[in-house]
Amino acid sequence: MKQELAQDIALMRYSMISPLIVGLPDEYKSKEAYFRAASARGALHPNGSFIHPAPTSIKRWYQHYQKNGFDGLLPSSRSDEGTSRKIHPDLEEQIRYLKTNYPRMSAAAIFRQLCDNGSVNRNELSESTVNRFLNSLARKERTTNNQDMRRYERAHANEVWCGDSSVGPYLKTEDGRKHKVYVIALIDDASRYIVGIDVFFNDNFANLMSVMKSAVAKFGVPKLFNFDNGSSYKNKQMDLLAARIGSTVHYDQPYTPTQKAKVERWFRTMKDQWMAGLDMRDFHTLEELRGSLYTYVNI
């Protein structure tokens, strides 16, 4: 398997277990309940198919991550590839779960699902074997999982950092040109303390990374980063970075501001206080403006 594909599969697996890294979400009574809900929710596989791994598979990925970090989620080739294999209990669980929750799935569709999520190799298990097992199931139970919006607010500092950007003042540089300035900030959800902030001429991923790296170097790694769905924030590189440093990322759904409202309120205060008091004739470089902002924020 190519390294990029293996990494993408690991990221897909990480996306399914990442909420548990912060701690068991309030709406679930147990990790097993979360695994069942995550299975029903499913995930987009790197090959473009939408899969529903069995709860036992998601539990196994979580255990592997706890033991070996992100590398524990990388798929590995089987040592018995090419040999015949019966349906073991884990596969039985996956097949039963898929058929119970998706009763219209045919044996062929379930077989493709097992192949797509890496549970079996086509040379190891046949579609007819899956079909025979399905025919042997006496009962089918349907499970309905209600997906509620999760509350990410935490009681302690360094658990959740919320990030956003705002248009700042216009800066007239020494060449006489006016430039729009963007302020990118990270706020600690519990303490409302600004853990990272800077000014830039562009609101992009590279500049966000600069703010994140500076904040992590000073305050450590938060359990969760909370962003909106903007293109500057939502991409594979962001998810990979969070996975590598042992954090996770939550993206607010449209029209559900949640924690984003807190950093937006801070930006309004910043504009009313810091920006309102600026005489932009005194500033000609980002460095000068940055110094004024740092004095205001006291970092």
Protein backbone atom coordinates (compact mmCIF):
# COMPACT_ATOMS: atom_id res chain seq x y z
CA MET A 1 0.00 0.00 0.00
CA LYS A 2 1.31 3.44 -0.94
CA GLN A 3 2.37 5.67 1.94
CA GLU A 4 -0.05 8.48 1.04
CA LEU A 5 -3.02 6.10 0.92
CA ALA A 6 -2.00 4.51 4.22
CA GLN A 7 -1.78 7.97 5.80
CA ASP A 8 -5.19 8.94 4.43
CA ILE A 9 -6.73 5.75 5.85
CA ALA A 10 -5.12 6.50 9.22
CA LEU A 11 -6.58 10.03 9.12
CA MET A 12 -10.01 8.60 8.35
CA ARG A 13 -9.72 6.28 11.33
CA TYR A 14 -8.46 9.14 13.51
CA SER A 15 -11.48 11.26 12.55
CA MET A 16 -13.75 8.54 13.95
CA ILE A 17 -11.99 8.29 17.33
CA SER A 18 -10.77 11.87 17.82
CA PRO A 19 -13.67 13.02 20.07
CA LEU A 20 -12.63 10.38 22.62
CA ILE A 21 -9.15 11.89 22.86
CA VAL A 22 -10.71 14.95 24.48
CA GLY A 23 -12.76 12.75 26.80
CA LEU A 24 -16.01 10.83 26.54
CA PRO A 25 -18.64 13.20 25.07
CA ASP A 26 -21.40 14.06 27.51
CA GLU A 27 -24.16 12.52 25.41
CA TYR A 28 -22.68 9.02 25.60
CA LYS A 29 -22.96 6.85 28.70
CA SER A 30 -19.97 4.71 27.75
CA LYS A 31 -17.25 4.31 25.16
CA GLU A 32 -19.14 1.35 23.75
CA ALA A 33 -22.12 3.63 23.13
CA TYR A 34 -19.83 6.07 21.35
CA PHE A 35 -18.34 3.31 19.18
CA ARG A 36 -21.85 2.24 18.14
CA ALA A 37 -22.84 5.80 17.27
CA ALA A 38 -19.61 6.42 15.36
CA SER A 39 -20.22 3.26 13.37
CA ALA A 40 -23.73 4.38 12.47
CA ARG A 41 -22.43 7.83 11.55
CA GLY A 42 -19.79 6.36 9.25
CA ALA A 43 -16.93 8.09 7.45
CA LEU A 44 -15.70 8.86 3.95
CA HIS A 45 -13.00 6.39 2.89
CA PRO A 46 -10.05 7.76 0.85
CA ASN A 47 -11.28 5.68 -2.11
CA GLY A 48 -14.46 7.77 -2.21
CA SER A 49 -16.86 5.26 -0.67
CA PHE A 50 -18.82 5.96 2.51
CA ILE A 51 -18.17 3.21 5.05
CA HIS A 52 -19.61 2.12 8.39
CA PRO A 53 -16.88 0.21 10.27
CA ALA A 54 -18.13 -2.06 13.03
CA PRO A 55 -18.03 -0.71 16.60
CA THR A 56 -15.40 -3.34 17.44
CA SER A 57 -13.15 -2.02 14.66
CA ILE A 58 -13.46 1.56 15.91
CA LYS A 59 -12.72 0.36 19.44
CA ARG A 60 -9.63 -1.44 18.18
CA TRP A 61 -8.43 1.70 16.38
CA TYR A 62 -8.90 3.70 19.58
CA GLN A 63 -6.86 1.16 21.55
CA HIS A 64 -4.12 1.18 18.91
CA TYR A 65 -3.97 4.99 19.05
CA GLN A 66 -3.77 4.95 22.84
CA LYS A 67 -0.85 2.54 22.65
CA ASN A 68 1.09 3.69 19.58
CA GLY A 69 -0.20 7.16 18.69
CA PHE A 70 -1.03 8.09 15.10
CA ASP A 71 1.25 5.37 13.71
CA GLY A 72 -0.98 2.79 15.38
CA LEU A 73 -3.75 3.75 12.96
CA LEU A 74 -1.73 3.03 9.84
CA PRO A 75 -2.98 -0.09 8.04
CA SER A 76 -0.56 -2.99 7.89
CA SER A 77 -0.36 -5.83 5.41
CA ARG A 78 -1.48 -9.22 6.67
CA SER A 79 1.13 -11.91 7.25
CA ASP A 80 -1.31 -14.60 6.06
CA GLU A 81 -2.24 -12.89 2.81
CA GLY A 82 -3.31 -15.36 0.15
CA THR A 83 -4.47 -18.05 2.56
CA SER A 84 -8.02 -19.12 3.24
CA ARG A 85 -9.68 -17.63 6.29
CA LYS A 86 -12.99 -18.29 8.01
CA ILE A 87 -15.25 -15.57 9.31
CA HIS A 88 -13.85 -14.73 12.73
CA PRO A 89 -15.91 -13.06 15.49
CA ASP A 90 -14.86 -9.53 14.53
CA LEU A 91 -16.06 -10.05 10.95
CA GLU A 92 -19.28 -11.60 12.22
CA GLU A 93 -19.85 -8.48 14.29
CA GLN A 94 -19.27 -6.22 11.29
CA ILE A 95 -21.55 -8.20 8.98
CA ARG A 96 -24.30 -8.46 11.58
CA TYR A 97 -24.10 -4.77 12.37
CA LEU A 98 -24.24 -3.69 8.73
CA LYS A 99 -27.19 -5.92 7.93
CA THR A 100 -29.09 -4.93 11.07
CA ASN A 101 -28.69 -1.21 10.51
CA TYR A 102 -28.81 -1.30 6.72
CA PRO A 103 -31.23 -4.14 5.95
CA ARG A 104 -31.33 -3.31 2.24
CA MET A 105 -27.61 -3.94 1.85
CA SER A 106 -27.02 -7.03 -0.22
CA ALA A 107 -24.34 -9.62 0.43
CA ALA A 108 -22.37 -8.14 -2.47
CA ALA A 109 -22.59 -4.62 -0.98
CA ILE A 110 -21.50 -5.84 2.45
CA PHE A 111 -18.64 -7.77 0.90
CA ARG A 112 -17.45 -4.62 -0.90
CA GLN A 113 -17.71 -2.70 2.36
CA LEU A 114 -15.51 -5.21 4.16
CA CYS A 115 -12.95 -4.99 1.37
CA ASP A 116 -13.05 -1.18 1.25
CA ASN A 117 -12.48 -0.72 4.98
CA GLY A 118 -9.58 -3.16 4.97
CA SER A 119 -11.25 -5.86 7.06
CA VAL A 120 -10.74 -8.56 4.45
CA ASN A 121 -8.81 -9.25 1.29
CA ARG A 122 -10.68 -10.55 -1.74
CA ASN A 123 -8.22 -13.45 -1.90
CA GLU A 124 -8.98 -14.44 1.68
CA LEU A 125 -12.78 -14.35 1.84
CA SER A 126 -15.38 -14.88 -0.86
CA GLU A 127 -18.69 -13.14 -1.40
CA SER A 128 -20.46 -16.50 -1.21
CA THR A 129 -19.08 -17.03 2.30
CA VAL A 130 -20.57 -13.71 3.38
CA ASN A 131 -23.85 -14.63 1.72
CA ARG A 132 -23.99 -17.95 3.57
CA PHE A 133 -23.35 -16.22 6.87
CA LEU A 134 -26.12 -13.69 6.18
CA ASN A 135 -28.53 -16.50 5.41
CA SER A 136 -27.66 -18.11 8.74
CA LEU A 137 -28.62 -15.07 10.80
CA ALA A 138 -31.92 -15.75 12.53
CA ARG A 139 -32.65 -12.26 13.78
CA LYS A 140 -32.00 -8.76 12.69
CA GLU A 141 -32.12 -5.85 15.09
CA ARG A 142 -32.37 -2.30 13.97
CA THR A 143 -30.47 0.32 15.92
CA THR A 144 -31.35 3.97 15.69
CA ASN A 145 -28.76 6.50 16.73
CA ASN A 146 -29.74 10.10 17.31
CA GLN A 147 -26.97 12.52 16.56
CA ASP A 148 -27.05 15.51 18.86
CA MET A 149 -24.82 18.49 18.64
CA ARG A 150 -21.94 18.07 21.02
CA ARG A 151 -21.09 20.72 23.56
CA TYR A 152 -17.34 21.31 23.47
CA GLU A 153 -17.03 23.75 26.34
CA ARG A 154 -14.64 22.60 29.04
CA ALA A 155 -14.14 23.66 32.62
CA HIS A 156 -10.34 23.71 32.59
CA ALA A 157 -7.75 25.76 30.73
CA ASN A 158 -5.86 24.21 27.82
CA GLU A 159 -8.66 21.82 26.94
CA VAL A 160 -10.23 23.74 24.04
CA TRP A 161 -8.70 26.54 21.97
CA CYS A 162 -11.00 28.43 19.61
CA GLY A 163 -9.51 30.06 16.54
CA ASP A 164 -10.77 32.68 14.12
CA SER A 165 -9.67 35.67 12.07
CA SER A 166 -10.93 39.22 11.72
CA VAL A 167 -10.25 42.14 9.42
CA GLY A 168 -8.07 44.65 11.19
CA PRO A 169 -7.00 48.18 10.28
CA TYR A 170 -5.65 49.27 6.90
CA LEU A 171 -1.90 49.78 7.01
CA LYS A 172 -0.19 52.32 4.75
CA THR A 173 3.35 51.10 4.13
CA GLU A 174 6.33 53.29 3.35
CA ASP A 175 5.80 52.85 -0.40
CA GLY A 176 2.46 54.63 -0.04
CA ARG A 177 0.30 51.56 -0.63
CA LYS A 178 -2.60 50.63 1.64
CA HIS A 179 -2.91 47.02 2.78
CA LYS A 180 -5.76 45.24 4.50
CA VAL A 181 -4.53 43.65 7.75
CA TYR A 182 -5.94 40.44 9.21
CA VAL A 183 -5.80 39.48 12.88
CA ILE A 184 -5.67 35.73 13.61
CA ALA A 185 -6.27 34.71 17.22
CA LEU A 186 -6.59 31.63 19.41
CA ILE A 187 -8.58 31.96 22.64
CA ASP A 188 -8.70 29.45 25.49
CA ASP A 189 -12.32 28.40 25.91
CA ALA A 190 -12.28 28.13 29.70
CA SER A 191 -10.16 31.12 30.72
CA ARG A 192 -10.95 33.40 27.72
CA TYR A 193 -7.20 34.06 27.61
CA ILE A 194 -5.61 34.83 24.25
CA VAL A 195 -2.99 32.10 23.82
CA GLY A 196 -1.94 33.11 20.31
CA ILE A 197 -2.41 36.16 18.10
CA ASP A 198 -0.70 37.93 15.21
CA VAL A 199 -1.28 40.30 12.30
CA PHE A 200 -0.83 39.40 8.62
CA PHE A 201 -1.52 40.69 5.14
CA ASN A 202 -3.19 37.38 4.25
CA ASP A 203 -5.73 35.20 6.04
CA ASN A 204 -4.45 31.76 5.06
CA PHE A 205 -3.46 28.37 6.43
CA ALA A 206 0.27 29.15 6.62
CA ASN A 207 -0.33 32.16 8.85
CA LEU A 208 -2.75 30.22 11.02
CA MET A 209 -0.04 27.57 11.45
CA SER A 210 2.34 30.29 12.61
CA VAL A 211 -0.07 31.36 15.35
CA MET A 212 -0.75 27.76 16.37
CA LYS A 213 2.93 26.83 16.59
CA SER A 214 3.72 29.88 18.68
CA ALA A 215 0.83 29.15 21.06
CA VAL A 216 1.73 25.46 21.44
CA ALA A 217 5.37 26.33 22.10
CA LYS A 218 4.31 28.67 24.90
CA PHE A 219 1.32 26.90 26.47
CA GLY A 220 1.54 23.27 25.39
CA VAL A 221 -0.90 21.20 23.34
CA PRO A 222 -4.65 21.66 23.90
CA LYS A 223 -6.94 18.67 23.78
CA LEU A 224 -9.02 20.24 21.02
CA PHE A 225 -8.85 23.03 18.44
CA ASN A 226 -12.21 24.56 17.48
CA PHE A 227 -12.52 26.33 14.11
CA ASP A 228 -15.18 27.21 11.58
CA ASN A 229 -15.46 25.60 8.16
CA GLY A 230 -13.37 28.24 6.37
CA SER A 231 -10.89 27.13 3.74
CA SER A 232 -8.03 28.53 5.82
CA TYR A 233 -8.80 26.03 8.55
CA LYS A 234 -10.37 22.88 7.14
CA ASN A 235 -7.92 20.73 5.22
CA LYS A 236 -6.00 17.49 5.51
CA GLN A 237 -2.83 19.22 6.73
CA MET A 238 -4.70 20.60 9.74
CA ASP A 239 -6.07 17.18 10.66
CA LEU A 240 -2.66 15.57 10.20
CA LEU A 241 -0.95 18.17 12.39
CA ALA A 242 -3.50 17.68 15.17
CA ALA A 243 -3.14 13.91 14.97
CA ARG A 244 0.65 14.10 15.13
CA ILE A 245 0.76 16.33 18.22
CA GLY A 246 -1.98 14.36 20.01
CA SER A 247 -4.80 16.86 19.69
CA THR A 248 -7.99 16.90 17.64
CA VAL A 249 -9.94 19.41 15.55
CA HIS A 250 -13.63 20.29 15.61
CA TYR A 251 -15.22 22.34 12.85
CA ASP A 252 -18.38 24.31 13.61
CA GLN A 253 -21.31 23.54 11.37
CA PRO A 254 -22.79 26.46 9.40
CA TYR A 255 -25.22 28.62 11.42
CA THR A 256 -24.15 26.97 14.69
CA PRO A 257 -21.54 29.40 16.08
CA THR A 258 -20.88 27.56 19.42
CA GLN A 259 -17.39 28.46 20.68
CA LYS A 260 -16.79 30.70 17.68
CA ALA A 261 -19.07 33.25 19.34
CA LYS A 262 -16.53 33.71 22.14
CA VAL A 263 -13.62 34.66 19.93
CA GLU A 264 -15.94 36.85 17.83
CA ARG A 265 -16.96 38.73 20.99
CA TRP A 266 -13.29 39.21 21.78
CA PHE A 267 -12.68 40.61 18.30
CA ARG A 268 -15.52 43.12 18.80
CA THR A 269 -13.94 44.23 22.06
CA MET A 270 -10.55 44.47 20.35
CA LYS A 271 -12.02 46.75 17.66
CA ASP A 272 -13.80 48.93 20.21
CA GLN A 273 -10.70 49.33 22.36
CA TRP A 274 -7.44 48.72 20.48
CA MET A 275 -8.38 49.63 16.91
CA ALA A 276 -10.49 52.62 17.95
CA GLY A 277 -7.49 54.11 19.72
CA LEU A 278 -4.98 53.65 16.89
CA ASP A 279 -3.52 56.51 14.90
CA MET A 280 -2.54 54.59 11.78
CA ARG A 281 -0.25 57.41 10.67
CA ASP A 282 2.15 56.12 13.33
CA PHE A 283 2.44 52.66 11.73
CA HIS A 284 4.18 51.73 8.49
CA THR A 285 5.13 48.05 9.00
CA LEU A 286 3.49 44.91 10.32
CA GLU A 287 6.18 44.69 12.97
CA GLU A 288 5.17 48.07 14.39
CA LEU A 289 1.49 47.18 14.37
CA ARG A 290 2.24 43.77 15.89
CA GLY A 291 4.06 45.42 18.77
CA SER A 292 1.04 47.59 19.53
CA LEU A 293 -1.30 44.58 19.42
CA TYR A 294 0.96 42.54 21.72
CA THR A 295 1.00 45.40 24.21
CA TYR A 296 -2.81 45.51 24.15
CA VAL A 297 -3.15 41.75 24.59
CA ASN A 298 -0.29 41.69 27.10
CA ILE A 299 1.57 38.69 25.66
